[in-house]
């Protein structure tokens, strides 16, 4: 089989898998919270993903730092909300999140 046909078959095989990757559909603001260690305020947001899971993310430093909800560690953070939301849908662990988070 020629190389072009092999590449075409591989591409066609991978296309559905790429299309099914979970993506953020809706980002809903949740409650404001205070970090007990530093006293810094942050806000939690709930990301609804296309695969039906809901994953929390947090905004820090006046919405300049967007992080996966991870409690103490601030390792998984980005400058843009959408990047954090995409990462949350791809690898975030689903949580038991209420349908309507408290304001």
C-alpha atoms as a PDB file:
ATOM      1  CA  UNK A   1       0.000   0.000   0.000  1.00  0.00           C
ATOM      2  CA  UNK A   2       1.451   3.424  -0.908  1.00  0.00           C
ATOM      3  CA  UNK A   3       2.449   5.788   1.882  1.00  0.00           C
ATOM      4  CA  UNK A   4      -0.269   8.337   0.992  1.00  0.00           C
ATOM      5  CA  UNK A   5      -3.026   5.758   1.469  1.00  0.00           C
ATOM      6  CA  UNK A   6      -1.578   4.688   4.819  1.00  0.00           C
ATOM      7  CA  UNK A   7      -1.534   8.300   6.012  1.00  0.00           C
ATOM      8  CA  UNK A   8      -5.093   8.848   4.812  1.00  0.00           C
ATOM      9  CA  UNK A   9      -6.311   5.744   6.635  1.00  0.00           C
ATOM     10  CA  UNK A  10      -4.518   6.799   9.806  1.00  0.00           C
ATOM     11  CA  UNK A  11      -5.980  10.299   9.594  1.00  0.00           C
ATOM     12  CA  UNK A  12      -9.506   8.970   9.075  1.00  0.00           C
ATOM     13  CA  UNK A  13      -9.085   6.615  12.017  1.00  0.00           C
ATOM     14  CA  UNK A  14      -7.945   9.411  14.349  1.00  0.00           C
ATOM     15  CA  UNK A  15     -10.511  12.038  13.317  1.00  0.00           C
ATOM     16  CA  UNK A  16     -13.447  10.649  15.349  1.00  0.00           C
ATOM     17  CA  UNK A  17     -11.277  10.313  18.444  1.00  0.00           C
ATOM     18  CA  UNK A  18     -10.174  13.927  18.169  1.00  0.00           C
ATOM     19  CA  UNK A  19     -13.729  15.117  17.600  1.00  0.00           C
ATOM     20  CA  UNK A  20     -14.957  13.344  20.744  1.00  0.00           C
ATOM     21  CA  UNK A  21     -12.487  15.036  23.092  1.00  0.00           C
ATOM     22  CA  UNK A  22     -14.356  16.817  25.880  1.00  0.00           C
ATOM     23  CA  UNK A  23     -14.598  20.578  25.453  1.00  0.00           C
ATOM     24  CA  UNK A  24     -15.948  23.310  27.724  1.00  0.00           C
ATOM     25  CA  UNK A  25     -19.556  24.159  26.932  1.00  0.00           C
ATOM     26  CA  UNK A  26     -20.424  26.560  29.757  1.00  0.00           C
ATOM     27  CA  UNK A  27     -18.557  28.302  32.571  1.00  0.00           C
ATOM     28  CA  UNK A  28     -20.726  29.298  35.531  1.00  0.00           C
ATOM     29  CA  UNK A  29     -19.519  31.595  38.334  1.00  0.00           C
ATOM     30  CA  UNK A  30     -19.618  30.001  41.741  1.00  0.00           C
ATOM     31  CA  UNK A  31     -18.937  31.201  45.264  1.00  0.00           C
ATOM     32  CA  UNK A  32     -16.217  33.579  46.371  1.00  0.00           C
ATOM     33  CA  UNK A  33     -13.856  32.018  48.871  1.00  0.00           C
ATOM     34  CA  UNK A  34     -10.929  33.012  51.073  1.00  0.00           C
ATOM     35  CA  UNK A  35      -7.676  31.072  51.263  1.00  0.00           C
ATOM     36  CA  UNK A  36      -7.209  30.381  54.950  1.00  0.00           C
ATOM     37  CA  UNK A  37      -3.397  30.315  54.702  1.00  0.00           C
ATOM     38  CA  UNK A  38      -2.887  33.639  52.903  1.00  0.00           C
ATOM     39  CA  UNK A  39      -6.194  35.466  53.346  1.00  0.00           C
ATOM     40  CA  UNK A  40      -6.366  36.000  49.574  1.00  0.00           C
ATOM     41  CA  UNK A  41      -9.834  35.892  48.019  1.00  0.00           C
ATOM     42  CA  UNK A  42     -10.573  33.814  44.947  1.00  0.00           C
ATOM     43  CA  UNK A  43     -13.655  32.725  43.060  1.00  0.00           C
ATOM     44  CA  UNK A  44     -14.676  29.261  42.012  1.00  0.00           C
ATOM     45  CA  UNK A  45     -16.207  28.624  38.573  1.00  0.00           C
ATOM     46  CA  UNK A  46     -17.927  25.457  37.379  1.00  0.00           C
ATOM     47  CA  UNK A  47     -16.953  24.239  33.882  1.00  0.00           C
ATOM     48  CA  UNK A  48     -19.611  22.117  32.165  1.00  0.00           C
ATOM     49  CA  UNK A  49     -17.949  19.875  29.583  1.00  0.00           C
ATOM     50  CA  UNK A  50     -19.360  18.390  26.382  1.00  0.00           C
ATOM     51  CA  UNK A  51     -19.098  14.881  27.861  1.00  0.00           C
ATOM     52  CA  UNK A  52     -21.456  15.817  30.715  1.00  0.00           C
ATOM     53  CA  UNK A  53     -18.978  16.217  33.573  1.00  0.00           C
ATOM     54  CA  UNK A  54     -18.675  19.365  35.663  1.00  0.00           C
ATOM     55  CA  UNK A  55     -15.267  20.421  36.926  1.00  0.00           C
ATOM     56  CA  UNK A  56     -14.407  23.358  39.200  1.00  0.00           C
ATOM     57  CA  UNK A  57     -11.695  25.893  38.333  1.00  0.00           C
ATOM     58  CA  UNK A  58     -10.589  28.909  40.370  1.00  0.00           C
ATOM     59  CA  UNK A  59      -9.650  32.487  39.543  1.00  0.00           C
ATOM     60  CA  UNK A  60      -6.841  34.091  41.547  1.00  0.00           C
ATOM     61  CA  UNK A  61      -5.056  37.430  41.536  1.00  0.00           C
ATOM     62  CA  UNK A  62      -8.071  39.392  40.301  1.00  0.00           C
ATOM     63  CA  UNK A  63      -8.830  36.951  37.463  1.00  0.00           C
ATOM     64  CA  UNK A  64      -5.261  36.988  36.160  1.00  0.00           C
ATOM     65  CA  UNK A  65      -4.516  33.410  37.190  1.00  0.00           C
ATOM     66  CA  UNK A  66      -6.868  30.531  36.371  1.00  0.00           C
ATOM     67  CA  UNK A  67      -6.237  27.235  38.140  1.00  0.00           C
ATOM     68  CA  UNK A  68      -7.683  23.764  38.327  1.00  0.00           C
ATOM     69  CA  UNK A  69      -9.235  23.311  41.713  1.00  0.00           C
ATOM     70  CA  UNK A  70      -6.485  21.584  43.612  1.00  0.00           C
ATOM     71  CA  UNK A  71      -6.650  22.948  47.122  1.00  0.00           C
ATOM     72  CA  UNK A  72      -3.131  23.919  48.145  1.00  0.00           C
ATOM     73  CA  UNK A  73      -0.997  23.606  45.002  1.00  0.00           C
ATOM     74  CA  UNK A  74      -1.046  26.369  42.387  1.00  0.00           C
ATOM     75  CA  UNK A  75       0.903  24.311  39.832  1.00  0.00           C
ATOM     76  CA  UNK A  76      -1.907  23.830  37.306  1.00  0.00           C
ATOM     77  CA  UNK A  77      -2.606  27.479  36.427  1.00  0.00           C
ATOM     78  CA  UNK A  78      -2.922  29.538  33.225  1.00  0.00           C
ATOM     79  CA  UNK A  79      -3.320  33.203  32.318  1.00  0.00           C
ATOM     80  CA  UNK A  80      -6.556  32.610  30.388  1.00  0.00           C
ATOM     81  CA  UNK A  81      -9.823  31.178  31.636  1.00  0.00           C
ATOM     82  CA  UNK A  82     -10.455  29.160  28.465  1.00  0.00           C
ATOM     83  CA  UNK A  83      -7.098  27.360  28.737  1.00  0.00           C
ATOM     84  CA  UNK A  84      -7.885  26.283  32.297  1.00  0.00           C
ATOM     85  CA  UNK A  85     -11.392  25.233  31.243  1.00  0.00           C
ATOM     86  CA  UNK A  86     -10.075  23.147  28.332  1.00  0.00           C
ATOM     87  CA  UNK A  87      -7.519  21.465  30.567  1.00  0.00           C
ATOM     88  CA  UNK A  88     -10.193  20.798  33.187  1.00  0.00           C
ATOM     89  CA  UNK A  89     -12.408  19.069  30.607  1.00  0.00           C
ATOM     90  CA  UNK A  90      -9.550  17.010  29.185  1.00  0.00           C
ATOM     91  CA  UNK A  91      -8.015  15.849  32.419  1.00  0.00           C
ATOM     92  CA  UNK A  92      -9.978  17.284  35.278  1.00  0.00           C
ATOM     93  CA  UNK A  93     -11.496  14.887  37.721  1.00  0.00           C
ATOM     94  CA  UNK A  94     -15.283  15.115  37.946  1.00  0.00           C
ATOM     95  CA  UNK A  95     -16.565  16.365  41.263  1.00  0.00           C
ATOM     96  CA  UNK A  96     -19.969  16.282  42.866  1.00  0.00           C
ATOM     97  CA  UNK A  97     -20.921  19.835  41.985  1.00  0.00           C
ATOM     98  CA  UNK A  98     -24.373  21.197  42.804  1.00  0.00           C
ATOM     99  CA  UNK A  99     -26.578  22.119  39.849  1.00  0.00           C
ATOM    100  CA  UNK A 100     -26.793  25.736  41.038  1.00  0.00           C
ATOM    101  CA  UNK A 101     -23.747  26.742  43.067  1.00  0.00           C
ATOM    102  CA  UNK A 102     -24.370  29.191  45.915  1.00  0.00           C
ATOM    103  CA  UNK A 103     -23.732  32.836  45.048  1.00  0.00           C
END
